[in-house]
PDB file of N, CA and C in Angstrom:
ATOM      1  N   MET A   1       0.822  -1.192  -0.020  1.00  0.00           N
ATOM      2  CA  MET A   1       0.154  -0.141  -0.053  1.00  0.00           C
ATOM      3  C   MET A   1       0.855   1.441  -0.098  1.00  0.00           C
ATOM      4  N   ILE A   2       2.126   1.142   0.614  1.00  0.00           N
ATOM      5  CA  ILE A   2       2.982   2.339   0.216  1.00  0.00           C
ATOM      6  C   ILE A   2       3.098   2.835  -0.998  1.00  0.00           C
ATOM      7  N   GLY A   3       3.610   1.812  -1.648  1.00  0.00           N
ATOM      8  CA  GLY A   3       3.865   2.280  -3.280  1.00  0.00           C
ATOM      9  C   GLY A   3       2.575   2.701  -3.803  1.00  0.00           C
ATOM     10  N   ALA A   4       1.466   2.272  -3.373  1.00  0.00           N
ATOM     11  CA  ALA A   4       0.107   3.426  -3.974  1.00  0.00           C
ATOM     12  C   ALA A   4      -0.077   4.710  -3.488  1.00  0.00           C
ATOM     13  N   GLU A   5       0.279   4.739  -2.413  1.00  0.00           N
ATOM     14  CA  GLU A   5       0.361   6.185  -1.688  1.00  0.00           C
ATOM     15  C   GLU A   5       1.573   7.081  -2.391  1.00  0.00           C
ATOM     16  N   GLU A   6       2.725   6.578  -2.851  1.00  0.00           N
ATOM     17  CA  GLU A   6       3.692   7.021  -3.430  1.00  0.00           C
ATOM     18  C   GLU A   6       3.337   7.299  -4.798  1.00  0.00           C
ATOM     19  N   VAL A   7       2.658   6.615  -5.453  1.00  0.00           N
ATOM     20  CA  VAL A   7       2.012   6.769  -7.011  1.00  0.00           C
ATOM     21  C   VAL A   7       1.055   7.994  -6.686  1.00  0.00           C
ATOM     22  N   PHE A   8      -0.092   7.957  -5.937  1.00  0.00           N
ATOM     23  CA  PHE A   8      -1.002   9.278  -5.885  1.00  0.00           C
ATOM     24  C   PHE A   8      -0.450  10.462  -5.310  1.00  0.00           C
ATOM     25  N   ARG A   9       0.749  10.282  -4.339  1.00  0.00           N
ATOM     26  CA  ARG A   9       1.153  11.762  -4.040  1.00  0.00           C
ATOM     27  C   ARG A   9       2.104  12.237  -5.407  1.00  0.00           C
ATOM     28  N   THR A  10       2.889  11.208  -5.913  1.00  0.00           N
ATOM     29  CA  THR A  10       3.463  11.848  -7.625  1.00  0.00           C
ATOM     30  C   THR A  10       2.379  12.196  -8.227  1.00  0.00           C
ATOM     31  N   TRP A  11       1.218  11.695  -8.395  1.00  0.00           N
ATOM     32  CA  TRP A  11       0.099  12.125  -9.398  1.00  0.00           C
ATOM     33  C   TRP A  11      -0.365  13.238  -9.097  1.00  0.00           C
ATOM     34  N   GLU A  12      -0.623  13.748  -7.780  1.00  0.00           N
ATOM     35  CA  GLU A  12      -1.019  14.945  -7.458  1.00  0.00           C
ATOM     36  C   GLU A  12      -0.004  15.953  -7.528  1.00  0.00           C
ATOM     37  N   GLU A  13       1.290  15.699  -7.412  1.00  0.00           N
ATOM     38  CA  GLU A  13       2.352  16.742  -7.628  1.00  0.00           C
ATOM     39  C   GLU A  13       2.302  17.113  -8.996  1.00  0.00           C
ATOM     40  N   VAL A  14       2.202  16.158  -9.886  1.00  0.00           N
ATOM     41  CA  VAL A  14       2.162  16.518 -11.473  1.00  0.00           C
ATOM     42  C   VAL A  14       0.824  17.057 -11.946  1.00  0.00           C
ATOM     43  N   ILE A  15      -0.461  16.861 -11.140  1.00  0.00           N
ATOM     44  CA  ILE A  15      -1.420  17.580 -11.686  1.00  0.00           C
ATOM     45  C   ILE A  15      -1.077  19.249 -11.057  1.00  0.00           C
ATOM     46  N   LYS A  16      -0.597  19.452  -9.906  1.00  0.00           N
ATOM     47  CA  LYS A  16      -0.503  20.519  -9.655  1.00  0.00           C
ATOM     48  C   LYS A  16       0.499  21.369 -10.517  1.00  0.00           C
ATOM     49  N   GLU A  17       1.537  20.727 -10.875  1.00  0.00           N
ATOM     50  CA  GLU A  17       2.433  21.267 -11.736  1.00  0.00           C
ATOM     51  C   GLU A  17       1.874  21.534 -13.163  1.00  0.00           C
ATOM     52  N   PHE A  18       0.967  20.758 -13.627  1.00  0.00           N
ATOM     53  CA  PHE A  18       0.435  20.803 -15.044  1.00  0.00           C
ATOM     54  C   PHE A  18      -0.687  22.167 -14.923  1.00  0.00           C
ATOM     55  N   THR A  19      -1.293  22.058 -13.534  1.00  0.00           N
ATOM     56  CA  THR A  19      -2.515  23.011 -13.406  1.00  0.00           C
ATOM     57  C   THR A  19      -1.469  24.492 -13.665  1.00  0.00           C
ATOM     58  N   ASN A  20      -0.589  24.579 -12.832  1.00  0.00           N
ATOM     59  CA  ASN A  20       0.091  25.947 -12.766  1.00  0.00           C
ATOM     60  C   ASN A  20       0.886  26.178 -14.113  1.00  0.00           C
ATOM     61  N   VAL A  21       1.173  25.504 -14.914  1.00  0.00           N
ATOM     62  CA  VAL A  21       1.853  25.726 -16.349  1.00  0.00           C
ATOM     63  C   VAL A  21       0.530  26.102 -17.088  1.00  0.00           C
ATOM     64  N   ALA A  22      -0.555  25.229 -17.007  1.00  0.00           N
ATOM     65  CA  ALA A  22      -1.806  25.495 -17.915  1.00  0.00           C
ATOM     66  C   ALA A  22      -2.391  26.980 -17.352  1.00  0.00           C
ATOM     67  N   ARG A  23      -2.284  27.546 -16.363  1.00  0.00           N
ATOM     68  CA  ARG A  23      -2.657  28.773 -16.028  1.00  0.00           C
ATOM     69  C   ARG A  23      -1.933  29.857 -16.460  1.00  0.00           C
ATOM     70  N   GLU A  24      -0.712  29.545 -16.401  1.00  0.00           N
ATOM     71  CA  GLU A  24       0.454  30.520 -16.765  1.00  0.00           C
ATOM     72  C   GLU A  24       0.077  30.741 -18.407  1.00  0.00           C
ATOM     73  N   VAL A  25      -0.085  29.670 -19.224  1.00  0.00           N
ATOM     74  CA  VAL A  25      -0.362  29.558 -20.511  1.00  0.00           C
ATOM     75  C   VAL A  25      -1.512  30.471 -21.065  1.00  0.00           C
ATOM     76  N   THR A  26      -2.631  30.205 -20.016  1.00  0.00           N
ATOM     77  CA  THR A  26      -3.825  30.940 -20.529  1.00  0.00           C
ATOM     78  C   THR A  26      -3.945  32.351 -20.078  1.00  0.00           C
ATOM     79  N   ARG A  27      -3.241  32.591 -19.137  1.00  0.00           N
ATOM     80  CA  ARG A  27      -2.782  34.169 -18.809  1.00  0.00           C
ATOM     81  C   ARG A  27      -2.118  34.816 -19.892  1.00  0.00           C
ATOM     82  N   LYS A  28      -0.857  34.414 -20.443  1.00  0.00           N
ATOM     83  CA  LYS A  28      -0.471  35.003 -21.547  1.00  0.00           C
ATOM     84  C   LYS A  28      -1.040  34.922 -22.855  1.00  0.00           C
ATOM     85  N   ARG A  29      -2.078  34.115 -22.835  1.00  0.00           N
ATOM     86  CA  ARG A  29      -2.854  34.193 -24.263  1.00  0.00           C
ATOM     87  C   ARG A  29      -4.200  34.918 -24.158  1.00  0.00           C
ATOM     88  N   SER A  30      -4.562  35.236 -23.156  1.00  0.00           N
ATOM     89  CA  SER A  30      -5.842  35.899 -23.234  1.00  0.00           C
ATOM     90  C   SER A  30      -5.963  36.689 -21.708  1.00  0.00           C
ATOM     91  N   GLU A  31      -6.777  37.443 -21.908  1.00  0.00           N
ATOM     92  CA  GLU A  31      -6.850  38.507 -20.880  1.00  0.00           C
ATOM     93  C   GLU A  31      -8.028  37.886 -19.718  1.00  0.00           C
ATOM     94  N   LYS A  32      -8.879  36.867 -20.330  1.00  0.00           N
ATOM     95  CA  LYS A  32      -9.846  36.510 -19.671  1.00  0.00           C
ATOM     96  C   LYS A  32      -9.727  35.286 -18.932  1.00  0.00           C
ATOM     97  N   PHE A  33     -10.126  35.252 -17.682  1.00  0.00           N
ATOM     98  CA  PHE A  33      -9.890  34.120 -16.686  1.00  0.00           C
ATOM     99  C   PHE A  33     -10.422  32.868 -17.144  1.00  0.00           C
ATOM    100  N   ILE A  34      -9.491  31.831 -17.423  1.00  0.00           N
ATOM    101  CA  ILE A  34     -10.503  30.650 -17.652  1.00  0.00           C
ATOM    102  C   ILE A  34     -10.213  29.585 -16.214  1.00  0.00           C
ATOM    103  N   PRO A  35     -10.994  29.373 -15.536  1.00  0.00           N
ATOM    104  CA  PRO A  35     -10.725  28.461 -14.292  1.00  0.00           C
ATOM    105  C   PRO A  35     -10.389  26.959 -14.897  1.00  0.00           C
ATOM    106  N   ILE A  36      -9.328  26.277 -14.168  1.00  0.00           N
ATOM    107  CA  ILE A  36      -8.577  25.328 -14.951  1.00  0.00           C
ATOM    108  C   ILE A  36      -8.978  24.304 -13.465  1.00  0.00           C
ATOM    109  N   ILE A  37      -9.793  23.177 -13.922  1.00  0.00           N
ATOM    110  CA  ILE A  37     -10.069  22.195 -12.796  1.00  0.00           C
ATOM    111  C   ILE A  37     -10.094  20.800 -13.619  1.00  0.00           C
ATOM    112  N   ILE A  38      -9.150  20.276 -12.701  1.00  0.00           N
ATOM    113  CA  ILE A  38      -8.981  18.736 -13.433  1.00  0.00           C
ATOM    114  C   ILE A  38      -9.895  17.666 -12.400  1.00  0.00           C
ATOM    115  N   HIS A  39     -10.384  16.830 -13.072  1.00  0.00           N
ATOM    116  CA  HIS A  39     -11.175  15.556 -12.167  1.00  0.00           C
ATOM    117  C   HIS A  39     -10.205  14.688 -12.448  1.00  0.00           C
ATOM    118  N   ALA A  40      -9.541  14.315 -11.418  1.00  0.00           N
ATOM    119  CA  ALA A  40      -8.700  12.909 -11.443  1.00  0.00           C
ATOM    120  C   ALA A  40      -9.586  11.645 -11.726  1.00  0.00           C
ATOM    121  N   ALA A  41      -9.314  10.900 -12.596  1.00  0.00           N
ATOM    122  CA  ALA A  41      -9.903   9.622 -12.624  1.00  0.00           C
ATOM    123  C   ALA A  41      -9.782   8.621 -11.550  1.00  0.00           C
ATOM    124  N   HIS A  42      -8.645   8.741 -11.194  1.00  0.00           N
ATOM    125  CA  HIS A  42      -8.165   7.748 -10.024  1.00  0.00           C
ATOM    126  C   HIS A  42      -8.752   8.244  -8.672  1.00  0.00           C
ATOM    127  N   SER A  43      -9.168   9.254  -8.508  1.00  0.00           N
ATOM    128  CA  SER A  43      -9.814   9.692  -7.036  1.00  0.00           C
ATOM    129  C   SER A  43     -10.697   8.652  -6.488  1.00  0.00           C
ATOM    130  N   LYS A  44     -11.709   7.976  -7.220  1.00  0.00           N
ATOM    131  CA  LYS A  44     -12.139   6.895  -6.533  1.00  0.00           C
ATOM    132  C   LYS A  44     -11.213   5.709  -6.024  1.00  0.00           C
ATOM    133  N   LEU A  45     -10.292   5.405  -6.631  1.00  0.00           N
ATOM    134  CA  LEU A  45      -9.444   4.067  -6.283  1.00  0.00           C
ATOM    135  C   LEU A  45      -8.736   4.731  -5.300  1.00  0.00           C
ATOM    136  N   GLN A  46      -8.034   5.943  -5.501  1.00  0.00           N
ATOM    137  CA  GLN A  46      -7.300   6.869  -4.079  1.00  0.00           C
ATOM    138  C   GLN A  46      -8.128   6.549  -2.908  1.00  0.00           C
ATOM    139  N   GLU A  47      -9.461   6.856  -2.977  1.00  0.00           N
ATOM    140  CA  GLU A  47     -10.101   6.616  -1.783  1.00  0.00           C
ATOM    141  C   GLU A  47     -10.370   5.501  -1.151  1.00  0.00           C
ATOM    142  N   ARG A  48     -10.395   4.549  -2.041  1.00  0.00           N
ATOM    143  CA  ARG A  48     -10.767   3.297  -1.551  1.00  0.00           C
ATOM    144  C   ARG A  48      -9.495   2.577  -0.972  1.00  0.00           C
ATOM    145  N   VAL A  49      -8.128   2.779  -1.643  1.00  0.00           N
ATOM    146  CA  VAL A  49      -6.831   2.597  -1.185  1.00  0.00           C
ATOM    147  C   VAL A  49      -6.668   2.891   0.323  1.00  0.00           C
ATOM    148  N   THR A  50      -7.007   4.306   0.377  1.00  0.00           N
ATOM    149  CA  THR A  50      -7.064   4.988   1.745  1.00  0.00           C
ATOM    150  C   THR A  50      -8.028   4.189   2.703  1.00  0.00           C
ATOM    151  N   PHE A  51      -9.163   3.823   2.391  1.00  0.00           N
ATOM    152  CA  PHE A  51     -10.148   3.156   3.248  1.00  0.00           C
ATOM    153  C   PHE A  51      -9.417   1.825   3.653  1.00  0.00           C
ATOM    154  N   VAL A  52      -8.863   0.929   2.526  1.00  0.00           N
ATOM    155  CA  VAL A  52      -8.596  -0.281   2.810  1.00  0.00           C
ATOM    156  C   VAL A  52      -7.198  -0.409   3.765  1.00  0.00           C
ATOM    157  N   ARG A  53      -6.505   0.582   3.704  1.00  0.00           N
ATOM    158  CA  ARG A  53      -5.462   0.886   4.605  1.00  0.00           C
ATOM    159  C   ARG A  53      -5.861   0.945   5.960  1.00  0.00           C
ATOM    160  N   GLY A  54      -6.888   1.952   6.269  1.00  0.00           N
ATOM    161  CA  GLY A  54      -7.391   1.930   7.585  1.00  0.00           C
ATOM    162  C   GLY A  54      -8.251   0.958   8.071  1.00  0.00           C
ATOM    163  N   PHE A  55      -8.873   0.212   7.273  1.00  0.00           N
ATOM    164  CA  PHE A  55      -9.390  -1.107   7.692  1.00  0.00           C
ATOM    165  C   PHE A  55      -8.388  -1.956   8.132  1.00  0.00           C
ATOM    166  N   ARG A  56      -7.492  -2.182   7.329  1.00  0.00           N
ATOM    167  CA  ARG A  56      -6.362  -3.387   7.697  1.00  0.00           C
ATOM    168  C   ARG A  56      -5.921  -3.024   8.686  1.00  0.00           C
ATOM    169  N   LYS A  57      -5.293  -1.821   8.996  1.00  0.00           N
ATOM    170  CA  LYS A  57      -4.587  -1.409  10.214  1.00  0.00           C
ATOM    171  C   LYS A  57      -5.421  -1.715  11.594  1.00  0.00           C
ATOM    172  N   GLN A  58      -6.681  -1.343  11.139  1.00  0.00           N
ATOM    173  CA  GLN A  58      -7.900  -1.699  12.539  1.00  0.00           C
ATOM    174  C   GLN A  58      -7.870  -3.067  12.762  1.00  0.00           C
ATOM    175  N   HIS A  59      -7.945  -3.760  11.498  1.00  0.00           N
ATOM    176  CA  HIS A  59      -8.097  -5.124  11.909  1.00  0.00           C
ATOM    177  C   HIS A  59      -6.630  -5.989  12.354  1.00  0.00           C
ATOM    178  N   GLU A  60      -5.623  -5.623  11.969  1.00  0.00           N
ATOM    179  CA  GLU A  60      -4.383  -5.851  12.495  1.00  0.00           C
ATOM    180  C   GLU A  60      -4.434  -5.676  14.081  1.00  0.00           C
ATOM    181  N   GLN A  61      -4.846  -4.625  14.437  1.00  0.00           N
ATOM    182  CA  GLN A  61      -4.619  -4.137  16.002  1.00  0.00           C
ATOM    183  C   GLN A  61      -5.659  -5.070  16.625  1.00  0.00           C
ATOM    184  N   LEU A  62      -6.865  -5.586  15.986  1.00  0.00           N
ATOM    185  CA  LEU A  62      -7.578  -6.701  16.919  1.00  0.00           C
ATOM    186  C   LEU A  62      -7.467  -8.071  16.476  1.00  0.00           C
ATOM    187  N   ASN A  63      -6.399  -8.287  15.396  1.00  0.00           N
ATOM    188  CA  ASN A  63      -6.399  -9.683  14.819  1.00  0.00           C
ATOM    189  C   ASN A  63      -6.362 -10.658  15.668  1.00  0.00           C
ATOM    190  N   SER A  64      -5.765 -10.566  17.062  1.00  0.00           N
ATOM    191  CA  SER A  64      -5.294 -11.677  17.832  1.00  0.00           C
ATOM    192  C   SER A  64      -6.829 -12.574  18.234  1.00  0.00           C
ATOM    193  N   MET A  65      -7.823 -11.593  18.114  1.00  0.00           N
ATOM    194  CA  MET A  65      -8.993 -12.128  18.775  1.00  0.00           C
ATOM    195  C   MET A  65      -9.837 -13.038  17.608  1.00  0.00           C
ATOM    196  N   GLU A  66     -10.104 -14.122  18.029  1.00  0.00           N
ATOM    197  CA  GLU A  66     -10.746 -15.094  17.064  1.00  0.00           C
ATOM    198  C   GLU A  66     -11.983 -14.841  16.352  1.00  0.00           C
ATOM    199  N   LYS A  67     -12.748 -13.917  17.146  1.00  0.00           N
ATOM    200  CA  LYS A  67     -14.087 -13.283  16.762  1.00  0.00           C
ATOM    201  C   LYS A  67     -13.929 -12.332  15.735  1.00  0.00           C
ATOM    202  N   VAL A  68     -12.590 -11.691  15.660  1.00  0.00           N
ATOM    203  CA  VAL A  68     -12.312 -10.616  14.677  1.00  0.00           C
ATOM    204  C   VAL A  68     -12.247 -11.588  13.454  1.00  0.00           C
ATOM    205  N   LYS A  69     -11.341 -12.568  13.741  1.00  0.00           N
ATOM    206  CA  LYS A  69     -10.844 -13.235  12.644  1.00  0.00           C
ATOM    207  C   LYS A  69     -12.084 -13.847  11.725  1.00  0.00           C
ATOM    208  N   LEU A  70     -13.291 -14.394  12.533  1.00  0.00           N
ATOM    209  CA  LEU A  70     -14.082 -14.882  11.887  1.00  0.00           C
ATOM    210  C   LEU A  70     -14.956 -13.833  11.126  1.00  0.00           C
ATOM    211  N   ALA A  71     -14.970 -12.540  12.067  1.00  0.00           N
ATOM    212  CA  ALA A  71     -15.688 -11.204  10.931  1.00  0.00           C
ATOM    213  C   ALA A  71     -14.991 -10.844   9.983  1.00  0.00           C
ATOM    214  N   TYR A  72     -13.733 -10.943   9.933  1.00  0.00           N
ATOM    215  CA  TYR A  72     -13.039 -11.031   8.657  1.00  0.00           C
ATOM    216  C   TYR A  72     -13.029 -11.563   7.516  1.00  0.00           C
ATOM    217  N   GLU A  73     -13.706 -12.988   7.817  1.00  0.00           N
ATOM    218  CA  GLU A  73     -14.026 -13.779   6.715  1.00  0.00           C
ATOM    219  C   GLU A  73     -15.203 -13.251   5.590  1.00  0.00           C
ATOM    220  N   SER A  74     -15.933 -12.124   6.354  1.00  0.00           N
ATOM    221  CA  SER A  74     -16.998 -11.526   5.085  1.00  0.00           C
ATOM    222  C   SER A  74     -16.262 -10.711   4.473  1.00  0.00           C
ATOM    223  N   VAL A  75     -15.008 -10.088   4.640  1.00  0.00           N
ATOM    224  CA  VAL A  75     -14.606  -9.194   3.871  1.00  0.00           C
ATOM    225  C   VAL A  75     -13.539  -9.661   2.710  1.00  0.00           C
ATOM    226  N   LYS A  76     -12.610 -10.690   3.470  1.00  0.00           N
ATOM    227  CA  LYS A  76     -11.607 -10.919   2.687  1.00  0.00           C
ATOM    228  C   LYS A  76     -11.716 -11.612   1.279  1.00  0.00           C
ATOM    229  N   ASP A  77     -12.747 -11.610   0.919  1.00  0.00           N
ATOM    230  CA  ASP A  77     -13.251 -12.382  -0.513  1.00  0.00           C
ATOM    231  C   ASP A  77     -13.466 -11.017  -1.499  1.00  0.00           C
ATOM    232  N   ILE A  78     -13.975 -10.118  -0.886  1.00  0.00           N
ATOM    233  CA  ILE A  78     -14.390  -8.628  -1.519  1.00  0.00           C
ATOM    234  C   ILE A  78     -13.402  -8.150  -2.395  1.00  0.00           C
ATOM    235  N   ASP A  79     -13.847  -7.662  -3.717  1.00  0.00           N
ATOM    236  CA  ASP A  79     -12.805  -7.210  -4.462  1.00  0.00           C
ATOM    237  C   ASP A  79     -12.789  -6.057  -4.150  1.00  0.00           C
ATOM    238  N   VAL A  80     -11.822  -5.233  -3.484  1.00  0.00           N
ATOM    239  CA  VAL A  80     -11.585  -4.102  -2.699  1.00  0.00           C
ATOM    240  C   VAL A  80     -11.219  -2.825  -3.765  1.00  0.00           C
ATOM    241  N   LEU A  81     -10.818  -3.060  -4.698  1.00  0.00           N
ATOM    242  CA  LEU A  81     -10.329  -2.178  -5.862  1.00  0.00           C
ATOM    243  C   LEU A  81     -11.836  -2.132  -7.049  1.00  0.00           C
ATOM    244  N   ASP A  82     -12.771  -2.741  -6.725  1.00  0.00           N
ATOM    245  CA  ASP A  82     -13.820  -2.753  -7.684  1.00  0.00           C
ATOM    246  C   ASP A  82     -14.636  -1.144  -7.236  1.00  0.00           C
ATOM    247  N   VAL A  83     -14.472  -0.221  -7.908  1.00  0.00           N
ATOM    248  CA  VAL A  83     -15.036   0.951  -7.702  1.00  0.00           C
ATOM    249  C   VAL A  83     -16.420   1.332  -8.316  1.00  0.00           C
ATOM    250  N   SER A  84     -16.921   0.305  -9.002  1.00  0.00           N
ATOM    251  CA  SER A  84     -18.308   0.303  -9.433  1.00  0.00           C
ATOM    252  C   SER A  84     -19.220   0.297  -8.421  1.00  0.00           C
ATOM    253  N   THR A  85     -20.443   0.707  -8.721  1.00  0.00           N
ATOM    254  CA  THR A  85     -21.747   0.760  -7.868  1.00  0.00           C
ATOM    255  C   THR A  85     -21.707  -0.448  -7.013  1.00  0.00           C
ATOM    256  N   GLU A  86     -21.767  -1.572  -8.137  1.00  0.00           N
ATOM    257  CA  GLU A  86     -21.769  -2.895  -7.297  1.00  0.00           C
ATOM    258  C   GLU A  86     -20.841  -3.547  -6.563  1.00  0.00           C
ATOM    259  N   GLY A  87     -19.671  -3.040  -6.776  1.00  0.00           N
ATOM    260  CA  GLY A  87     -18.638  -3.250  -5.886  1.00  0.00           C
ATOM    261  C   GLY A  87     -18.578  -2.508  -4.551  1.00  0.00           C
ATOM    262  N   THR A  88     -19.000  -1.156  -4.750  1.00  0.00           N
ATOM    263  CA  THR A  88     -19.061  -0.491  -3.562  1.00  0.00           C
ATOM    264  C   THR A  88     -20.069  -0.977  -2.646  1.00  0.00           C
ATOM    265  N   VAL A  89     -21.339  -1.677  -3.109  1.00  0.00           N
ATOM    266  CA  VAL A  89     -22.330  -2.122  -2.220  1.00  0.00           C
ATOM    267  C   VAL A  89     -22.069  -3.385  -1.761  1.00  0.00           C
ATOM    268  N   PHE A  90     -21.318  -4.015  -2.477  1.00  0.00           N
ATOM    269  CA  PHE A  90     -20.558  -5.580  -1.742  1.00  0.00           C
ATOM    270  C   PHE A  90     -19.724  -4.815  -0.496  1.00  0.00           C
ATOM    271  N   LEU A  91     -18.594  -3.963  -0.739  1.00  0.00           N
ATOM    272  CA  LEU A  91     -17.558  -3.625   0.051  1.00  0.00           C
ATOM    273  C   LEU A  91     -18.556  -3.074   1.335  1.00  0.00           C
ATOM    274  N   THR A  92     -19.482  -2.229   1.165  1.00  0.00           N
ATOM    275  CA  THR A  92     -20.292  -1.806   2.421  1.00  0.00           C
ATOM    276  C   THR A  92     -21.038  -2.667   3.230  1.00  0.00           C
ATOM    277  N   GLN A  93     -21.443  -3.544   2.595  1.00  0.00           N
ATOM    278  CA  GLN A  93     -22.274  -4.587   3.184  1.00  0.00           C
ATOM    279  C   GLN A  93     -21.435  -5.601   4.105  1.00  0.00           C
ATOM    280  N   ALA A  94     -20.128  -5.868   3.379  1.00  0.00           N
ATOM    281  CA  ALA A  94     -19.113  -6.671   4.238  1.00  0.00           C
ATOM    282  C   ALA A  94     -18.559  -5.736   5.262  1.00  0.00           C
ATOM    283  N   GLU A  95     -18.314  -4.345   5.065  1.00  0.00           N
ATOM    284  CA  GLU A  95     -17.738  -3.676   6.089  1.00  0.00           C
ATOM    285  C   GLU A  95     -18.799  -3.418   7.115  1.00  0.00           C
ATOM    286  N   ASN A  96     -20.036  -3.469   6.913  1.00  0.00           N
ATOM    287  CA  ASN A  96     -21.040  -3.165   7.896  1.00  0.00           C
ATOM    288  C   ASN A  96     -21.177  -4.599   9.105  1.00  0.00           C
ATOM    289  N   SER A  97     -21.125  -5.431   8.309  1.00  0.00           N
ATOM    290  CA  SER A  97     -20.981  -6.949   8.898  1.00  0.00           C
ATOM    291  C   SER A  97     -19.751  -6.978   9.967  1.00  0.00           C
ATOM    292  N   TYR A  98     -18.682  -6.496   9.307  1.00  0.00           N
ATOM    293  CA  TYR A  98     -17.458  -6.723   9.974  1.00  0.00           C
ATOM    294  C   TYR A  98     -17.527  -5.662  11.277  1.00  0.00           C
ATOM    295  N   ASN A  99     -18.043  -4.675  10.800  1.00  0.00           N
ATOM    296  CA  ASN A  99     -17.891  -3.308  12.109  1.00  0.00           C
ATOM    297  C   ASN A  99     -19.032  -3.721  13.240  1.00  0.00           C
ATOM    298  N   GLU A 100     -19.978  -4.491  12.961  1.00  0.00           N
ATOM    299  CA  GLU A 100     -20.943  -4.864  14.002  1.00  0.00           C
ATOM    300  C   GLU A 100     -20.267  -5.905  14.919  1.00  0.00           C
ATOM    301  N   SER A 101     -19.440  -7.025  14.325  1.00  0.00           N
ATOM    302  CA  SER A 101     -18.767  -8.076  14.948  1.00  0.00           C
ATOM    303  C   SER A 101     -17.694  -7.421  15.835  1.00  0.00           C
ATOM    304  N   VAL A 102     -16.955  -6.623  15.335  1.00  0.00           N
ATOM    305  CA  VAL A 102     -16.091  -5.851  15.921  1.00  0.00           C
ATOM    306  C   VAL A 102     -16.687  -4.993  17.007  1.00  0.00           C
ATOM    307  N   LEU A 103     -17.753  -4.230  17.003  1.00  0.00           N
ATOM    308  CA  LEU A 103     -18.336  -3.864  18.010  1.00  0.00           C
ATOM    309  C   LEU A 103     -18.612  -4.593  19.019  1.00  0.00           C
ATOM    310  N   ARG A 104     -19.239  -5.615  18.775  1.00  0.00           N
ATOM    311  CA  ARG A 104     -19.356  -6.740  19.703  1.00  0.00           C
ATOM    312  C   ARG A 104     -18.203  -7.130  20.639  1.00  0.00           C
ATOM    313  N   VAL A 105     -17.073  -7.201  20.062  1.00  0.00           N
ATOM    314  CA  VAL A 105     -15.944  -7.707  20.646  1.00  0.00           C
ATOM    315  C   VAL A 105     -15.387  -6.598  21.421  1.00  0.00           C
ATOM    316  N   LYS A 106     -15.437  -5.348  21.016  1.00  0.00           N
ATOM    317  CA  LYS A 106     -15.127  -4.091  21.727  1.00  0.00           C
ATOM    318  C   LYS A 106     -15.895  -4.288  22.957  1.00  0.00           C
ATOM    319  N   GLN A 107     -17.208  -4.233  22.963  1.00  0.00           N
ATOM    320  CA  GLN A 107     -17.944  -4.214  24.016  1.00  0.00           C
ATOM    321  C   GLN A 107     -17.786  -5.075  24.965  1.00  0.00           C
ATOM    322  N   ILE A 108     -17.359  -6.606  24.871  1.00  0.00           N
ATOM    323  CA  ILE A 108     -16.864  -7.723  25.588  1.00  0.00           C
ATOM    324  C   ILE A 108     -15.770  -7.458  26.312  1.00  0.00           C
ATOM    325  N   LEU A 109     -14.608  -6.410  25.402  1.00  0.00           N
ATOM    326  CA  LEU A 109     -13.448  -6.098  26.034  1.00  0.00           C
ATOM    327  C   LEU A 109     -13.602  -5.310  27.090  1.00  0.00           C
ATOM    328  N   LEU A 110     -14.608  -4.109  26.999  1.00  0.00           N
ATOM    329  CA  LEU A 110     -14.722  -3.337  27.906  1.00  0.00           C
ATOM    330  C   LEU A 110     -15.645  -3.542  29.053  1.00  0.00           C
ATOM    331  N   SER A 111     -16.222  -4.648  28.739  1.00  0.00           N
ATOM    332  CA  SER A 111     -17.355  -4.960  30.181  1.00  0.00           C
ATOM    333  C   SER A 111     -16.615  -5.837  31.095  1.00  0.00           C
TER     334      SER A 111
END
């Protein structure tokens, strides 16, 4: 996941550089201000990778508990990089199931 973070960070830097160059060129060519907005096609994927990183970190913190391992079964076969509507629905359902199980484990630990 660190490699993915690096790629996204590099991509953002390149987008900023491109935006600055594009603004400079439009200023030189015309007097009229034209806003330059770039919608990155990878933004959903970046959000998903960030989510998965946080999810895995939380899971690893609780991994020693067998109930959490069982809860993870509902998530481990999901294609986390499927950013389609259907993929998002599957991930959300699996995440909700996992979170409910983890919440029960946390309540047991706190009582």
